[in-house]
């Protein structure tokens, strides 16, 4: 009876000793490659001619797993840690994923590890995106709501997963800082003065953010899902 090459025979060592009944194609199948690659790795002019006792190098011909192309951010991850784990530099990760602040990444965010950097947005692209996606910051406060100039206290009703989603957005938007400013965007949740009405107190920022998200998305969890998909909420 012919000899059957097993995975254990060929796939767990660097070399394989040809046995009676072996064929190059059977050995190749055992290491998840093909006879042509195995022949090249061993300088075989005729892949149909091997002999008993011949030592074949198998590691060079063995199929190698494809490198991952994305990485999903986990709790406790930092961009520098991800760079060390994946072998992709922090600068490259930031460029590929259009990350302007390397300290702001969110759990569940999917990062590209390969490809080209996201192109800068042109006026033409902006117009096309505006027609294809919901427009950011389009919420209009109810006419009956008028925020006081200084709010002294406010307790958010967000708890559990909602509170966690709210905290994740605050971390992404401002690093959790009530005093953060980015052009016309103000505070912990990066809202404009048209919502805050000049009252930049922590209590008012919390209250207006809850109202904004409730009116626009219905929940902080949905707002976070939108932020993960588009980079803003």
C-alpha atoms as a PDB file:
ATOM      1  CA  UNK A   1       0.000   0.000   0.000  1.00  0.00           C
ATOM      2  CA  UNK A   2       1.142   3.564  -0.706  1.00  0.00           C
ATOM      3  CA  UNK A   3       2.313   5.844   2.110  1.00  0.00           C
ATOM      4  CA  UNK A   4      -0.002   8.735   3.052  1.00  0.00           C
ATOM      5  CA  UNK A   5       1.731  11.927   4.107  1.00  0.00           C
ATOM      6  CA  UNK A   6       0.104  13.396   7.211  1.00  0.00           C
ATOM      7  CA  UNK A   7       0.033  16.951   8.519  1.00  0.00           C
ATOM      8  CA  UNK A   8       1.991  15.830  11.582  1.00  0.00           C
ATOM      9  CA  UNK A   9       4.707  14.376   9.343  1.00  0.00           C
ATOM     10  CA  UNK A  10       5.381  17.500   7.357  1.00  0.00           C
ATOM     11  CA  UNK A  11       3.764  20.520   8.929  1.00  0.00           C
ATOM     12  CA  UNK A  12       5.354  20.520  12.385  1.00  0.00           C
ATOM     13  CA  UNK A  13       9.044  20.386  11.419  1.00  0.00           C
ATOM     14  CA  UNK A  14      11.428  22.452   9.293  1.00  0.00           C
ATOM     15  CA  UNK A  15      12.420  19.454   7.162  1.00  0.00           C
ATOM     16  CA  UNK A  16      10.684  16.355   5.857  1.00  0.00           C
ATOM     17  CA  UNK A  17      12.290  13.026   4.938  1.00  0.00           C
ATOM     18  CA  UNK A  18      10.675  11.439   1.903  1.00  0.00           C
ATOM     19  CA  UNK A  19       9.139   8.023   2.576  1.00  0.00           C
ATOM     20  CA  UNK A  20       8.098   5.214   0.244  1.00  0.00           C
ATOM     21  CA  UNK A  21       4.941   6.121  -1.638  1.00  0.00           C
ATOM     22  CA  UNK A  22       5.290   9.874  -1.094  1.00  0.00           C
ATOM     23  CA  UNK A  23       4.598  12.379  -3.857  1.00  0.00           C
ATOM     24  CA  UNK A  24       5.552  16.028  -3.879  1.00  0.00           C
ATOM     25  CA  UNK A  25       1.911  17.064  -4.214  1.00  0.00           C
ATOM     26  CA  UNK A  26       0.917  14.993  -1.133  1.00  0.00           C
ATOM     27  CA  UNK A  27       3.715  16.530   0.931  1.00  0.00           C
ATOM     28  CA  UNK A  28       2.727  19.998  -0.293  1.00  0.00           C
ATOM     29  CA  UNK A  29      -0.914  19.433   0.690  1.00  0.00           C
ATOM     30  CA  UNK A  30       0.191  18.473   4.205  1.00  0.00           C
ATOM     31  CA  UNK A  31       1.821  21.888   4.718  1.00  0.00           C
ATOM     32  CA  UNK A  32      -0.956  23.862   3.017  1.00  0.00           C
ATOM     33  CA  UNK A  33       1.017  24.820  -0.105  1.00  0.00           C
ATOM     34  CA  UNK A  34       1.455  23.454  -3.625  1.00  0.00           C
ATOM     35  CA  UNK A  35       3.999  21.265  -5.359  1.00  0.00           C
ATOM     36  CA  UNK A  36       5.407  24.125  -7.442  1.00  0.00           C
ATOM     37  CA  UNK A  37       6.380  26.166  -4.362  1.00  0.00           C
ATOM     38  CA  UNK A  38       7.853  23.098  -2.677  1.00  0.00           C
ATOM     39  CA  UNK A  39       9.873  22.310  -5.809  1.00  0.00           C
ATOM     40  CA  UNK A  40      11.263  25.861  -5.958  1.00  0.00           C
ATOM     41  CA  UNK A  41      12.166  25.823  -2.251  1.00  0.00           C
ATOM     42  CA  UNK A  42      14.194  22.650  -2.801  1.00  0.00           C
ATOM     43  CA  UNK A  43      15.641  23.409  -6.259  1.00  0.00           C
ATOM     44  CA  UNK A  44      13.849  20.446  -7.839  1.00  0.00           C
ATOM     45  CA  UNK A  45      14.078  20.534 -11.626  1.00  0.00           C
ATOM     46  CA  UNK A  46      11.397  17.815 -11.943  1.00  0.00           C
ATOM     47  CA  UNK A  47       8.681  17.903  -9.288  1.00  0.00           C
ATOM     48  CA  UNK A  48       7.725  14.319 -10.202  1.00  0.00           C
ATOM     49  CA  UNK A  49      11.158  12.953  -9.239  1.00  0.00           C
ATOM     50  CA  UNK A  50      11.830  12.569  -5.518  1.00  0.00           C
ATOM     51  CA  UNK A  51      13.409   9.600  -3.794  1.00  0.00           C
ATOM     52  CA  UNK A  52      13.083   7.812  -0.466  1.00  0.00           C
ATOM     53  CA  UNK A  53      15.337   9.353   2.179  1.00  0.00           C
ATOM     54  CA  UNK A  54      15.549  12.731   0.404  1.00  0.00           C
ATOM     55  CA  UNK A  55      15.357  15.660   2.852  1.00  0.00           C
ATOM     56  CA  UNK A  56      13.024  18.456   1.789  1.00  0.00           C
ATOM     57  CA  UNK A  57      12.879  21.930   3.287  1.00  0.00           C
ATOM     58  CA  UNK A  58       9.230  22.634   4.059  1.00  0.00           C
ATOM     59  CA  UNK A  59       9.156  25.853   6.111  1.00  0.00           C
ATOM     60  CA  UNK A  60      10.107  28.098   3.188  1.00  0.00           C
ATOM     61  CA  UNK A  61       7.299  26.681   1.046  1.00  0.00           C
ATOM     62  CA  UNK A  62       4.605  26.542   3.725  1.00  0.00           C
ATOM     63  CA  UNK A  63       1.742  28.995   3.309  1.00  0.00           C
ATOM     64  CA  UNK A  64       1.918  31.908   5.718  1.00  0.00           C
ATOM     65  CA  UNK A  65      -1.221  33.461   7.230  1.00  0.00           C
ATOM     66  CA  UNK A  66      -2.241  36.794   5.765  1.00  0.00           C
ATOM     67  CA  UNK A  67      -1.390  39.823   7.885  1.00  0.00           C
ATOM     68  CA  UNK A  68      -4.434  41.551   9.423  1.00  0.00           C
ATOM     69  CA  UNK A  69      -5.596  44.757   7.712  1.00  0.00           C
ATOM     70  CA  UNK A  70      -7.640  46.241  10.581  1.00  0.00           C
ATOM     71  CA  UNK A  71      -7.551  46.442  14.382  1.00  0.00           C
ATOM     72  CA  UNK A  72     -10.561  46.959  16.687  1.00  0.00           C
ATOM     73  CA  UNK A  73      -9.804  49.153  19.706  1.00  0.00           C
ATOM     74  CA  UNK A  74     -10.288  47.407  23.080  1.00  0.00           C
ATOM     75  CA  UNK A  75     -10.711  48.859  26.579  1.00  0.00           C
ATOM     76  CA  UNK A  76      -7.365  50.149  27.865  1.00  0.00           C
ATOM     77  CA  UNK A  77      -5.776  50.440  24.399  1.00  0.00           C
ATOM     78  CA  UNK A  78      -3.626  53.415  23.458  1.00  0.00           C
ATOM     79  CA  UNK A  79      -2.464  54.269  19.956  1.00  0.00           C
ATOM     80  CA  UNK A  80       1.160  53.656  20.956  1.00  0.00           C
ATOM     81  CA  UNK A  81       0.270  50.209  22.371  1.00  0.00           C
ATOM     82  CA  UNK A  82      -1.570  49.331  19.151  1.00  0.00           C
ATOM     83  CA  UNK A  83       1.444  50.453  17.143  1.00  0.00           C
ATOM     84  CA  UNK A  84       3.712  48.095  19.129  1.00  0.00           C
ATOM     85  CA  UNK A  85       1.251  45.195  18.802  1.00  0.00           C
ATOM     86  CA  UNK A  86       0.652  45.535  15.065  1.00  0.00           C
ATOM     87  CA  UNK A  87       4.090  46.722  13.986  1.00  0.00           C
ATOM     88  CA  UNK A  88       2.533  49.784  12.331  1.00  0.00           C
ATOM     89  CA  UNK A  89       3.979  53.076  13.560  1.00  0.00           C
ATOM     90  CA  UNK A  90       1.814  55.467  15.582  1.00  0.00           C
ATOM     91  CA  UNK A  91       2.258  58.160  12.933  1.00  0.00           C
ATOM     92  CA  UNK A  92       1.121  55.774  10.184  1.00  0.00           C
ATOM     93  CA  UNK A  93      -1.919  54.691  12.220  1.00  0.00           C
ATOM     94  CA  UNK A  94      -2.891  58.316  12.787  1.00  0.00           C
ATOM     95  CA  UNK A  95      -2.472  59.143   9.094  1.00  0.00           C
ATOM     96  CA  UNK A  96      -4.359  56.075   7.813  1.00  0.00           C
ATOM     97  CA  UNK A  97      -7.285  56.724  10.161  1.00  0.00           C
ATOM     98  CA  UNK A  98      -7.363  60.540  10.013  1.00  0.00           C
ATOM     99  CA  UNK A  99      -6.678  60.782  13.775  1.00  0.00           C
ATOM    100  CA  UNK A 100      -5.749  64.351  14.737  1.00  0.00           C
ATOM    101  CA  UNK A 101      -5.393  63.637  18.479  1.00  0.00           C
ATOM    102  CA  UNK A 102      -3.544  60.349  19.198  1.00  0.00           C
ATOM    103  CA  UNK A 103      -4.897  60.403  22.771  1.00  0.00           C
ATOM    104  CA  UNK A 104      -8.515  60.193  21.586  1.00  0.00           C
ATOM    105  CA  UNK A 105      -9.562  56.745  20.364  1.00  0.00           C
ATOM    106  CA  UNK A 106     -12.748  54.916  21.336  1.00  0.00           C
ATOM    107  CA  UNK A 107     -13.478  51.315  22.326  1.00  0.00           C
ATOM    108  CA  UNK A 108     -14.922  49.518  19.303  1.00  0.00           C
ATOM    109  CA  UNK A 109     -13.284  51.895  16.806  1.00  0.00           C
ATOM    110  CA  UNK A 110     -11.915  49.983  13.787  1.00  0.00           C
ATOM    111  CA  UNK A 111      -8.458  51.169  12.705  1.00  0.00           C
ATOM    112  CA  UNK A 112      -6.967  50.525   9.271  1.00  0.00           C
ATOM    113  CA  UNK A 113      -3.473  49.005   9.352  1.00  0.00           C
ATOM    114  CA  UNK A 114      -2.787  49.180   5.618  1.00  0.00           C
ATOM    115  CA  UNK A 115      -3.780  51.278   2.638  1.00  0.00           C
ATOM    116  CA  UNK A 116      -3.449  54.973   1.968  1.00  0.00           C
ATOM    117  CA  UNK A 117      -4.105  57.950   4.191  1.00  0.00           C
ATOM    118  CA  UNK A 118      -7.531  59.546   4.066  1.00  0.00           C
ATOM    119  CA  UNK A 119      -7.355  62.462   1.572  1.00  0.00           C
ATOM    120  CA  UNK A 120      -7.937  65.999   2.755  1.00  0.00           C
ATOM    121  CA  UNK A 121     -11.524  67.072   2.260  1.00  0.00           C
ATOM    122  CA  UNK A 122     -12.036  69.450  -0.670  1.00  0.00           C
ATOM    123  CA  UNK A 123     -15.018  71.781  -1.154  1.00  0.00           C
ATOM    124  CA  UNK A 124     -16.383  69.409  -3.823  1.00  0.00           C
ATOM    125  CA  UNK A 125     -16.081  66.422  -1.492  1.00  0.00           C
ATOM    126  CA  UNK A 126     -17.719  68.384   1.304  1.00  0.00           C
ATOM    127  CA  UNK A 127     -20.715  69.176  -0.883  1.00  0.00           C
ATOM    128  CA  UNK A 128     -21.081  65.526  -1.923  1.00  0.00           C
ATOM    129  CA  UNK A 129     -20.806  64.301   1.656  1.00  0.00           C
ATOM    130  CA  UNK A 130     -23.384  66.834   2.816  1.00  0.00           C
ATOM    131  CA  UNK A 131     -25.917  65.426   0.368  1.00  0.00           C
ATOM    132  CA  UNK A 132     -25.123  61.801   1.291  1.00  0.00           C
ATOM    133  CA  UNK A 133     -24.897  62.093   5.079  1.00  0.00           C
ATOM    134  CA  UNK A 134     -26.958  63.807   7.761  1.00  0.00           C
ATOM    135  CA  UNK A 135     -25.610  67.289   8.440  1.00  0.00           C
ATOM    136  CA  UNK A 136     -23.697  67.742  11.687  1.00  0.00           C
ATOM    137  CA  UNK A 137     -24.949  70.014  14.421  1.00  0.00           C
ATOM    138  CA  UNK A 138     -28.348  70.593  12.749  1.00  0.00           C
ATOM    139  CA  UNK A 139     -30.276  70.382  16.041  1.00  0.00           C
ATOM    140  CA  UNK A 140     -32.488  73.360  16.843  1.00  0.00           C
ATOM    141  CA  UNK A 141     -33.289  73.942  20.501  1.00  0.00           C
ATOM    142  CA  UNK A 142     -37.013  74.096  21.336  1.00  0.00           C
ATOM    143  CA  UNK A 143     -38.262  77.670  21.303  1.00  0.00           C
ATOM    144  CA  UNK A 144     -39.664  77.245  24.796  1.00  0.00           C
ATOM    145  CA  UNK A 145     -36.191  76.398  26.232  1.00  0.00           C
ATOM    146  CA  UNK A 146     -34.047  79.281  27.454  1.00  0.00           C
ATOM    147  CA  UNK A 147     -30.918  78.343  29.363  1.00  0.00           C
ATOM    148  CA  UNK A 148     -30.052  80.550  32.335  1.00  0.00           C
ATOM    149  CA  UNK A 149     -26.829  82.518  32.158  1.00  0.00           C
ATOM    150  CA  UNK A 150     -25.278  80.379  34.881  1.00  0.00           C
ATOM    151  CA  UNK A 151     -26.562  76.927  35.831  1.00  0.00           C
ATOM    152  CA  UNK A 152     -25.469  75.920  39.304  1.00  0.00           C
ATOM    153  CA  UNK A 153     -26.528  72.273  39.385  1.00  0.00           C
ATOM    154  CA  UNK A 154     -27.768  69.515  37.119  1.00  0.00           C
ATOM    155  CA  UNK A 155     -27.887  65.712  37.469  1.00  0.00           C
ATOM    156  CA  UNK A 156     -27.898  63.704  34.247  1.00  0.00           C
ATOM    157  CA  UNK A 157     -30.337  60.816  33.989  1.00  0.00           C
ATOM    158  CA  UNK A 158     -27.822  58.784  31.940  1.00  0.00           C
ATOM    159  CA  UNK A 159     -26.709  55.606  33.724  1.00  0.00           C
ATOM    160  CA  UNK A 160     -25.150  52.243  32.913  1.00  0.00           C
ATOM    161  CA  UNK A 161     -24.426  51.843  29.192  1.00  0.00           C
ATOM    162  CA  UNK A 162     -25.848  55.293  28.477  1.00  0.00           C
ATOM    163  CA  UNK A 163     -23.460  56.924  30.945  1.00  0.00           C
ATOM    164  CA  UNK A 164     -20.562  54.940  29.444  1.00  0.00           C
ATOM    165  CA  UNK A 165     -21.498  56.034  25.916  1.00  0.00           C
ATOM    166  CA  UNK A 166     -21.773  59.649  27.085  1.00  0.00           C
ATOM    167  CA  UNK A 167     -18.330  59.460  28.716  1.00  0.00           C
ATOM    168  CA  UNK A 168     -16.828  57.923  25.552  1.00  0.00           C
ATOM    169  CA  UNK A 169     -18.123  60.786  23.415  1.00  0.00           C
ATOM    170  CA  UNK A 170     -16.849  63.382  25.916  1.00  0.00           C
ATOM    171  CA  UNK A 171     -13.417  61.735  25.900  1.00  0.00           C
ATOM    172  CA  UNK A 172     -13.307  61.722  22.097  1.00  0.00           C
ATOM    173  CA  UNK A 173     -14.598  65.272  21.681  1.00  0.00           C
ATOM    174  CA  UNK A 174     -12.545  67.098  24.319  1.00  0.00           C
ATOM    175  CA  UNK A 175     -10.613  64.669  26.490  1.00  0.00           C
ATOM    176  CA  UNK A 176     -13.352  65.227  29.094  1.00  0.00           C
ATOM    177  CA  UNK A 177     -12.518  68.917  29.609  1.00  0.00           C
ATOM    178  CA  UNK A 178     -15.261  71.483  30.270  1.00  0.00           C
ATOM    179  CA  UNK A 179     -12.872  74.269  29.222  1.00  0.00           C
ATOM    180  CA  UNK A 180     -11.831  72.789  25.862  1.00  0.00           C
ATOM    181  CA  UNK A 181     -12.264  75.056  22.819  1.00  0.00           C
ATOM    182  CA  UNK A 182     -11.994  74.148  19.133  1.00  0.00           C
ATOM    183  CA  UNK A 183     -12.933  77.054  16.905  1.00  0.00           C
ATOM    184  CA  UNK A 184     -16.672  77.604  17.499  1.00  0.00           C
ATOM    185  CA  UNK A 185     -17.067  74.346  19.492  1.00  0.00           C
ATOM    186  CA  UNK A 186     -17.017  74.730  23.264  1.00  0.00           C
ATOM    187  CA  UNK A 187     -16.543  72.539  26.311  1.00  0.00           C
ATOM    188  CA  UNK A 188     -16.711  68.881  27.213  1.00  0.00           C
ATOM    189  CA  UNK A 189     -19.183  67.931  24.466  1.00  0.00           C
ATOM    190  CA  UNK A 190     -17.972  70.474  21.870  1.00  0.00           C
ATOM    191  CA  UNK A 191     -21.299  72.295  21.410  1.00  0.00           C
ATOM    192  CA  UNK A 192     -21.657  75.761  19.899  1.00  0.00           C
ATOM    193  CA  UNK A 193     -22.756  78.874  21.722  1.00  0.00           C
ATOM    194  CA  UNK A 194     -26.096  78.680  19.888  1.00  0.00           C
ATOM    195  CA  UNK A 195     -26.918  75.750  22.210  1.00  0.00           C
ATOM    196  CA  UNK A 196     -25.160  76.944  25.356  1.00  0.00           C
ATOM    197  CA  UNK A 197     -26.415  80.564  25.148  1.00  0.00           C
ATOM    198  CA  UNK A 198     -23.306  81.940  26.817  1.00  0.00           C
ATOM    199  CA  UNK A 199     -23.641  79.676  29.865  1.00  0.00           C
ATOM    200  CA  UNK A 200     -20.496  77.507  29.818  1.00  0.00           C
ATOM    201  CA  UNK A 201     -20.896  76.112  33.320  1.00  0.00           C
ATOM    202  CA  UNK A 202     -20.341  72.371  33.749  1.00  0.00           C
ATOM    203  CA  UNK A 203     -23.971  71.888  34.786  1.00  0.00           C
ATOM    204  CA  UNK A 204     -25.292  73.632  31.682  1.00  0.00           C
ATOM    205  CA  UNK A 205     -22.925  71.725  29.379  1.00  0.00           C
ATOM    206  CA  UNK A 206     -24.229  68.458  30.826  1.00  0.00           C
ATOM    207  CA  UNK A 207     -27.868  69.517  30.509  1.00  0.00           C
ATOM    208  CA  UNK A 208     -27.632  70.874  26.974  1.00  0.00           C
ATOM    209  CA  UNK A 209     -25.650  67.808  25.827  1.00  0.00           C
ATOM    210  CA  UNK A 210     -28.400  65.516  27.190  1.00  0.00           C
ATOM    211  CA  UNK A 211     -31.068  67.571  25.410  1.00  0.00           C
ATOM    212  CA  UNK A 212     -29.103  67.659  22.147  1.00  0.00           C
ATOM    213  CA  UNK A 213     -28.573  63.880  22.086  1.00  0.00           C
ATOM    214  CA  UNK A 214     -32.138  63.093  23.176  1.00  0.00           C
ATOM    215  CA  UNK A 215     -33.580  65.267  20.419  1.00  0.00           C
ATOM    216  CA  UNK A 216     -31.195  64.196  17.646  1.00  0.00           C
ATOM    217  CA  UNK A 217     -30.502  60.500  18.379  1.00  0.00           C
ATOM    218  CA  UNK A 218     -32.828  59.395  21.150  1.00  0.00           C
ATOM    219  CA  UNK A 219     -29.995  57.951  23.262  1.00  0.00           C
ATOM    220  CA  UNK A 220     -26.273  58.318  23.979  1.00  0.00           C
ATOM    221  CA  UNK A 221     -25.682  54.769  22.711  1.00  0.00           C
ATOM    222  CA  UNK A 222     -27.031  55.701  19.274  1.00  0.00           C
ATOM    223  CA  UNK A 223     -25.033  58.928  19.328  1.00  0.00           C
ATOM    224  CA  UNK A 224     -21.843  56.927  20.042  1.00  0.00           C
ATOM    225  CA  UNK A 225     -22.613  54.516  17.199  1.00  0.00           C
ATOM    226  CA  UNK A 226     -22.928  57.499  14.852  1.00  0.00           C
ATOM    227  CA  UNK A 227     -19.697  58.991  16.215  1.00  0.00           C
ATOM    228  CA  UNK A 228     -17.858  55.705  15.631  1.00  0.00           C
ATOM    229  CA  UNK A 229     -19.138  55.589  12.048  1.00  0.00           C
ATOM    230  CA  UNK A 230     -18.606  59.228  11.026  1.00  0.00           C
ATOM    231  CA  UNK A 231     -16.206  60.750  13.571  1.00  0.00           C
ATOM    232  CA  UNK A 232     -18.742  63.272  14.959  1.00  0.00           C
ATOM    233  CA  UNK A 233     -22.078  63.140  16.719  1.00  0.00           C
END
